[in-house]
Amino acid sequence: MSSWWDRTDPTDRPELTNRAPAGLVESWWNVVAGAVLLIGLPVIVLSGGFSPARIAFALFGLAIMVALELVFLRKLTQRIAGRRALRLVTADHEVPERAPLTIRPGDVVQVGARDTEWPAFVFVTTEHGTGWVPARHLDIDGSAGTVRVGYDTTELPARSGEIVDLVADDPESGWSWCRNADGREGWVPRRVLTAA
């Protein structure tokens, strides 16, 4: 399975839509099912009488369910916290005047120079426009390249002091895909972001 930045269609990226992220629904289910069993197991076991063996079994089952419920709750809170990671913009980020470029797997591009400030990127030219793309997304043969992994070059303008949602992070390239308060999304350099 490819990473979020390997896709170009927002509907293919659950983290960029209103759908629940993978694992969140399952985590809620685990918490609810665990709570039902936490309460129900001792009741079911002890409904047959209060012999020492039944009491020991109920206590043992209760201890296991408490431990599992704590694990389930921890995973749920981690998933919820991970769903919304806020970042403070520490310096203005202006977007280039060049229109954003979206490339898809199989597209053939002309490959130009590697960026000196962002060495993970190469400049590409397509029939639809130009833009900087991570070199790792391309199979490069001289000045030609074939797109292996789709990419969207949209950048998000950001002002110092602004709070943005970190949707996904690409530390290898040095950029993060963020969403501002207006719901607009795009790439922002990681170096101008800090935990809010």
C-alpha atoms as a PDB file:
ATOM      1  CA  MET A   1       0.000   0.000   0.000  1.00  0.00           C
ATOM      2  CA  SER A   2       1.278   3.444  -0.835  1.00  0.00           C
ATOM      3  CA  SER A   3       1.731   6.337   1.563  1.00  0.00           C
ATOM      4  CA  TRP A   4      -0.673   9.292   1.624  1.00  0.00           C
ATOM      5  CA  TRP A   5       1.670  11.461  -0.431  1.00  0.00           C
ATOM      6  CA  ASP A   6       1.865   8.746  -3.074  1.00  0.00           C
ATOM      7  CA  ARG A   7      -1.710   9.500  -4.126  1.00  0.00           C
ATOM      8  CA  THR A   8      -3.051  12.460  -6.048  1.00  0.00           C
ATOM      9  CA  ASP A   9      -6.831  12.123  -5.740  1.00  0.00           C
ATOM     10  CA  PRO A  10      -8.127  13.564  -2.420  1.00  0.00           C
ATOM     11  CA  THR A  11     -10.949  11.013  -2.420  1.00  0.00           C
ATOM     12  CA  ASP A  12      -8.285   8.281  -2.224  1.00  0.00           C
ATOM     13  CA  ARG A  13      -6.889   9.866   0.957  1.00  0.00           C
ATOM     14  CA  PRO A  14      -9.215   9.258   3.919  1.00  0.00           C
ATOM     15  CA  GLU A  15      -7.221  11.739   5.970  1.00  0.00           C
ATOM     16  CA  LEU A  16      -8.222  14.469   3.482  1.00  0.00           C
ATOM     17  CA  THR A  17     -11.949  13.667   3.601  1.00  0.00           C
ATOM     18  CA  ASN A  18     -14.579  13.460   6.305  1.00  0.00           C
ATOM     19  CA  ARG A  19     -14.337   9.671   6.515  1.00  0.00           C
ATOM     20  CA  ALA A  20     -13.057   8.175   9.747  1.00  0.00           C
ATOM     21  CA  PRO A  21      -9.339   7.378   9.562  1.00  0.00           C
ATOM     22  CA  ALA A  22      -8.346   3.738   9.504  1.00  0.00           C
ATOM     23  CA  GLY A  23      -8.468   2.220  12.955  1.00  0.00           C
ATOM     24  CA  LEU A  24     -10.628   4.846  14.658  1.00  0.00           C
ATOM     25  CA  VAL A  25     -13.908   2.942  14.258  1.00  0.00           C
ATOM     26  CA  GLU A  26     -12.192  -0.288  15.275  1.00  0.00           C
ATOM     27  CA  SER A  27     -10.769   1.418  18.357  1.00  0.00           C
ATOM     28  CA  TRP A  28     -14.216   2.652  19.409  1.00  0.00           C
ATOM     29  CA  TRP A  29     -15.603  -0.847  18.883  1.00  0.00           C
ATOM     30  CA  ASN A  30     -12.855  -2.334  21.067  1.00  0.00           C
ATOM     31  CA  VAL A  31     -13.633   0.127  23.871  1.00  0.00           C
ATOM     32  CA  VAL A  32     -17.387  -0.557  23.754  1.00  0.00           C
ATOM     33  CA  ALA A  33     -17.023  -4.345  23.465  1.00  0.00           C
ATOM     34  CA  GLY A  34     -14.431  -4.313  26.262  1.00  0.00           C
ATOM     35  CA  ALA A  35     -16.734  -2.322  28.542  1.00  0.00           C
ATOM     36  CA  VAL A  36     -19.627  -4.734  27.902  1.00  0.00           C
ATOM     37  CA  LEU A  37     -17.427  -7.725  28.677  1.00  0.00           C
ATOM     38  CA  LEU A  38     -15.917  -5.958  31.690  1.00  0.00           C
ATOM     39  CA  ILE A  39     -19.360  -5.668  33.221  1.00  0.00           C
ATOM     40  CA  GLY A  40     -20.929  -8.791  31.737  1.00  0.00           C
ATOM     41  CA  LEU A  41     -18.248 -11.409  32.410  1.00  0.00           C
ATOM     42  CA  PRO A  42     -18.442 -11.365  36.223  1.00  0.00           C
ATOM     43  CA  VAL A  43     -22.258 -11.243  36.095  1.00  0.00           C
ATOM     44  CA  ILE A  44     -22.434 -14.252  33.767  1.00  0.00           C
ATOM     45  CA  VAL A  45     -19.857 -16.269  35.716  1.00  0.00           C
ATOM     46  CA  LEU A  46     -21.335 -15.503  39.141  1.00  0.00           C
ATOM     47  CA  SER A  47     -24.957 -16.053  38.046  1.00  0.00           C
ATOM     48  CA  GLY A  48     -24.344 -19.794  38.511  1.00  0.00           C
ATOM     49  CA  GLY A  49     -23.412 -19.403  42.172  1.00  0.00           C
ATOM     50  CA  PHE A  50     -20.659 -18.088  44.395  1.00  0.00           C
ATOM     51  CA  SER A  51     -18.273 -21.016  44.689  1.00  0.00           C
ATOM     52  CA  PRO A  52     -14.575 -20.149  45.283  1.00  0.00           C
ATOM     53  CA  ALA A  53     -13.687 -21.398  41.786  1.00  0.00           C
ATOM     54  CA  ARG A  54     -16.326 -19.194  40.148  1.00  0.00           C
ATOM     55  CA  ILE A  55     -15.222 -16.161  42.185  1.00  0.00           C
ATOM     56  CA  ALA A  56     -11.555 -16.759  41.279  1.00  0.00           C
ATOM     57  CA  PHE A  57     -12.472 -17.163  37.588  1.00  0.00           C
ATOM     58  CA  ALA A  58     -14.582 -13.978  37.668  1.00  0.00           C
ATOM     59  CA  LEU A  59     -11.748 -12.019  39.317  1.00  0.00           C
ATOM     60  CA  PHE A  60      -9.206 -13.390  36.848  1.00  0.00           C
ATOM     61  CA  GLY A  61     -11.453 -12.518  33.898  1.00  0.00           C
ATOM     62  CA  LEU A  62     -12.130  -9.096  35.380  1.00  0.00           C
ATOM     63  CA  ALA A  63      -8.388  -8.400  35.737  1.00  0.00           C
ATOM     64  CA  ILE A  64      -7.769  -9.373  32.100  1.00  0.00           C
ATOM     65  CA  MET A  65     -10.670  -7.219  30.876  1.00  0.00           C
ATOM     66  CA  VAL A  66      -9.495  -4.199  32.919  1.00  0.00           C
ATOM     67  CA  ALA A  67      -6.015  -4.550  31.383  1.00  0.00           C
ATOM     68  CA  LEU A  68      -7.455  -4.892  27.864  1.00  0.00           C
ATOM     69  CA  GLU A  69      -9.812  -1.964  28.391  1.00  0.00           C
ATOM     70  CA  LEU A  70      -6.874   0.232  29.443  1.00  0.00           C
ATOM     71  CA  VAL A  71      -4.997  -0.784  26.291  1.00  0.00           C
ATOM     72  CA  PHE A  72      -8.073  -0.108  24.131  1.00  0.00           C
ATOM     73  CA  LEU A  73      -8.615   3.318  25.710  1.00  0.00           C
ATOM     74  CA  ARG A  74      -4.955   4.231  25.258  1.00  0.00           C
ATOM     75  CA  LYS A  75      -5.031   3.257  21.577  1.00  0.00           C
ATOM     76  CA  LEU A  76      -8.252   5.194  21.064  1.00  0.00           C
ATOM     77  CA  THR A  77      -6.855   8.362  22.626  1.00  0.00           C
ATOM     78  CA  GLN A  78      -3.686   8.001  20.543  1.00  0.00           C
ATOM     79  CA  ARG A  79      -5.735   7.697  17.343  1.00  0.00           C
ATOM     80  CA  ILE A  80      -7.893  10.685  18.238  1.00  0.00           C
ATOM     81  CA  ALA A  81      -4.858  12.767  19.187  1.00  0.00           C
ATOM     82  CA  GLY A  82      -3.042  11.689  16.010  1.00  0.00           C
ATOM     83  CA  ARG A  83      -6.004  12.704  13.896  1.00  0.00           C
ATOM     84  CA  ARG A  84      -5.580  16.352  14.761  1.00  0.00           C
ATOM     85  CA  ALA A  85      -2.008  17.505  15.120  1.00  0.00           C
ATOM     86  CA  LEU A  86      -1.893  21.290  15.371  1.00  0.00           C
ATOM     87  CA  ARG A  87       1.153  23.241  14.273  1.00  0.00           C
ATOM     88  CA  LEU A  88       2.086  26.868  14.814  1.00  0.00           C
ATOM     89  CA  VAL A  89       3.520  28.664  11.790  1.00  0.00           C
ATOM     90  CA  THR A  90       6.715  30.422  12.909  1.00  0.00           C
ATOM     91  CA  ALA A  91       7.463  32.326   9.680  1.00  0.00           C
ATOM     92  CA  ASP A  92       5.466  33.445   6.648  1.00  0.00           C
ATOM     93  CA  HIS A  93       5.313  31.065   3.708  1.00  0.00           C
ATOM     94  CA  GLU A  94       4.461  32.534   0.317  1.00  0.00           C
ATOM     95  CA  VAL A  95       3.423  30.260  -2.521  1.00  0.00           C
ATOM     96  CA  PRO A  96       5.022  30.578  -5.959  1.00  0.00           C
ATOM     97  CA  GLU A  97       3.093  32.321  -8.733  1.00  0.00           C
ATOM     98  CA  ARG A  98       3.362  29.155 -10.812  1.00  0.00           C
ATOM     99  CA  ALA A  99       0.109  27.157 -10.926  1.00  0.00           C
ATOM    100  CA  PRO A 100       0.107  23.890  -8.938  1.00  0.00           C
ATOM    101  CA  LEU A 101       0.930  20.754 -10.877  1.00  0.00           C
ATOM    102  CA  THR A 102      -0.578  17.316 -10.390  1.00  0.00           C
ATOM    103  CA  ILE A 103       1.251  14.347 -11.864  1.00  0.00           C
ATOM    104  CA  ARG A 104      -0.044  10.789 -12.011  1.00  0.00           C
ATOM    105  CA  PRO A 105       1.684   7.412 -12.255  1.00  0.00           C
ATOM    106  CA  GLY A 106       2.674   6.707 -15.846  1.00  0.00           C
ATOM    107  CA  ASP A 107       2.968  10.381 -16.858  1.00  0.00           C
ATOM    108  CA  VAL A 108       6.112  11.168 -18.826  1.00  0.00           C
ATOM    109  CA  VAL A 109       7.922  14.323 -17.709  1.00  0.00           C
ATOM    110  CA  GLN A 110      11.007  16.276 -18.677  1.00  0.00           C
ATOM    111  CA  VAL A 111      13.383  16.365 -15.705  1.00  0.00           C
ATOM    112  CA  GLY A 112      15.378  19.514 -15.035  1.00  0.00           C
ATOM    113  CA  ALA A 113      17.748  20.587 -12.294  1.00  0.00           C
ATOM    114  CA  ARG A 114      17.728  19.398  -8.713  1.00  0.00           C
ATOM    115  CA  ASP A 115      16.740  22.105  -6.225  1.00  0.00           C
ATOM    116  CA  THR A 116      19.722  23.439  -4.255  1.00  0.00           C
ATOM    117  CA  GLU A 117      17.602  24.518  -1.275  1.00  0.00           C
ATOM    118  CA  TRP A 118      15.434  21.360  -1.262  1.00  0.00           C
ATOM    119  CA  PRO A 119      17.703  18.575  -2.587  1.00  0.00           C
ATOM    120  CA  ALA A 120      14.943  15.940  -2.544  1.00  0.00           C
ATOM    121  CA  PHE A 121      13.215  17.812  -5.396  1.00  0.00           C
ATOM    122  CA  VAL A 122      13.757  18.047  -9.153  1.00  0.00           C
ATOM    123  CA  PHE A 123      12.080  20.488 -11.528  1.00  0.00           C
ATOM    124  CA  VAL A 124       9.746  18.782 -13.978  1.00  0.00           C
ATOM    125  CA  THR A 125       7.938  19.954 -17.089  1.00  0.00           C
ATOM    126  CA  THR A 126       4.782  18.294 -18.388  1.00  0.00           C
ATOM    127  CA  GLU A 127       2.237  19.195 -21.043  1.00  0.00           C
ATOM    128  CA  HIS A 128       0.119  20.601 -18.177  1.00  0.00           C
ATOM    129  CA  GLY A 129       2.734  22.768 -16.484  1.00  0.00           C
ATOM    130  CA  THR A 130       5.884  22.794 -14.394  1.00  0.00           C
ATOM    131  CA  GLY A 131       6.780  22.245 -10.769  1.00  0.00           C
ATOM    132  CA  TRP A 132       9.083  20.775  -8.157  1.00  0.00           C
ATOM    133  CA  VAL A 133       8.551  17.075  -7.431  1.00  0.00           C
ATOM    134  CA  PRO A 134      10.414  14.695  -5.101  1.00  0.00           C
ATOM    135  CA  ALA A 135      12.904  12.773  -7.252  1.00  0.00           C
ATOM    136  CA  ARG A 136      11.959   9.551  -5.453  1.00  0.00           C
ATOM    137  CA  HIS A 137       8.542   9.717  -7.181  1.00  0.00           C
ATOM    138  CA  LEU A 138      10.136   9.407 -10.618  1.00  0.00           C
ATOM    139  CA  ASP A 139      12.037   6.846 -12.663  1.00  0.00           C
ATOM    140  CA  ILE A 140      14.628   9.149 -14.214  1.00  0.00           C
ATOM    141  CA  ASP A 141      16.543   8.313 -17.370  1.00  0.00           C
ATOM    142  CA  GLY A 142      18.673  11.290 -18.357  1.00  0.00           C
ATOM    143  CA  SER A 143      16.400  14.277 -18.896  1.00  0.00           C
ATOM    144  CA  ALA A 144      13.232  12.183 -19.160  1.00  0.00           C
ATOM    145  CA  GLY A 145      11.284  10.631 -16.358  1.00  0.00           C
ATOM    146  CA  THR A 146       8.261   8.462 -15.792  1.00  0.00           C
ATOM    147  CA  VAL A 147       6.108   9.162 -12.765  1.00  0.00           C
ATOM    148  CA  ARG A 148       6.082   6.185 -10.403  1.00  0.00           C
ATOM    149  CA  VAL A 149       4.105   7.837  -7.633  1.00  0.00           C
ATOM    150  CA  GLY A 150       1.581  10.623  -8.114  1.00  0.00           C
ATOM    151  CA  TYR A 151       2.193  14.011  -6.539  1.00  0.00           C
ATOM    152  CA  ASP A 152       0.387  17.332  -6.069  1.00  0.00           C
ATOM    153  CA  THR A 153       2.601  20.451  -5.836  1.00  0.00           C
ATOM    154  CA  THR A 154      -0.059  22.672  -4.219  1.00  0.00           C
ATOM    155  CA  GLU A 155       1.480  24.874  -1.523  1.00  0.00           C
ATOM    156  CA  LEU A 156      -0.436  26.509   1.311  1.00  0.00           C
ATOM    157  CA  PRO A 157       0.238  30.175   2.036  1.00  0.00           C
ATOM    158  CA  ALA A 158       0.784  30.623   5.763  1.00  0.00           C
ATOM    159  CA  ARG A 159       1.401  33.558   8.082  1.00  0.00           C
ATOM    160  CA  SER A 160       3.544  33.620  11.197  1.00  0.00           C
ATOM    161  CA  GLY A 161       1.376  32.942  14.261  1.00  0.00           C
ATOM    162  CA  GLU A 162      -1.254  31.013  12.285  1.00  0.00           C
ATOM    163  CA  ILE A 163      -2.365  27.593  13.573  1.00  0.00           C
ATOM    164  CA  VAL A 164      -2.713  24.831  10.966  1.00  0.00           C
ATOM    165  CA  ASP A 165      -3.717  21.179  11.093  1.00  0.00           C
ATOM    166  CA  LEU A 166      -0.908  18.811  10.168  1.00  0.00           C
ATOM    167  CA  VAL A 167      -2.645  16.346   7.855  1.00  0.00           C
ATOM    168  CA  ALA A 168       0.464  14.384   6.905  1.00  0.00           C
ATOM    169  CA  ASP A 169       4.198  14.779   7.223  1.00  0.00           C
ATOM    170  CA  ASP A 170       6.963  14.055   4.709  1.00  0.00           C
ATOM    171  CA  PRO A 171      10.223  14.513   6.644  1.00  0.00           C
ATOM    172  CA  GLU A 172      12.277  13.106   3.758  1.00  0.00           C
ATOM    173  CA  SER A 173      11.373  16.084   1.577  1.00  0.00           C
ATOM    174  CA  GLY A 174      11.144  18.609   4.412  1.00  0.00           C
ATOM    175  CA  TRP A 175       7.482  19.508   3.786  1.00  0.00           C
ATOM    176  CA  SER A 176       4.157  18.858   5.530  1.00  0.00           C
ATOM    177  CA  TRP A 177       0.658  18.741   4.048  1.00  0.00           C
ATOM    178  CA  CYS A 178      -1.452  21.106   6.181  1.00  0.00           C
ATOM    179  CA  ARG A 179      -4.990  22.494   6.403  1.00  0.00           C
ATOM    180  CA  ASN A 180      -5.688  26.073   7.497  1.00  0.00           C
ATOM    181  CA  ALA A 181      -8.722  27.401   9.400  1.00  0.00           C
ATOM    182  CA  ASP A 182     -10.531  28.080   6.087  1.00  0.00           C
ATOM    183  CA  GLY A 183     -10.157  24.427   5.045  1.00  0.00           C
ATOM    184  CA  ARG A 184      -7.577  25.168   2.331  1.00  0.00           C
ATOM    185  CA  GLU A 185      -4.800  22.559   2.055  1.00  0.00           C
ATOM    186  CA  GLY A 186      -1.296  22.326   0.667  1.00  0.00           C
ATOM    187  CA  TRP A 187       2.381  21.884   1.398  1.00  0.00           C
ATOM    188  CA  VAL A 188       4.164  24.006   4.004  1.00  0.00           C
ATOM    189  CA  PRO A 189       7.910  23.743   4.775  1.00  0.00           C
ATOM    190  CA  ARG A 190       8.491  21.793   7.999  1.00  0.00           C
ATOM    191  CA  ARG A 191      11.104  24.352   9.077  1.00  0.00           C
ATOM    192  CA  VAL A 192       8.380  27.010   9.608  1.00  0.00           C
ATOM    193  CA  LEU A 193       6.201  24.678  11.727  1.00  0.00           C
ATOM    194  CA  THR A 194       6.371  23.851  15.407  1.00  0.00           C
ATOM    195  CA  ALA A 195       4.019  22.001  17.753  1.00  0.00           C
ATOM    196  CA  ALA A 196       1.158  24.249  18.903  1.00  0.00           C
END
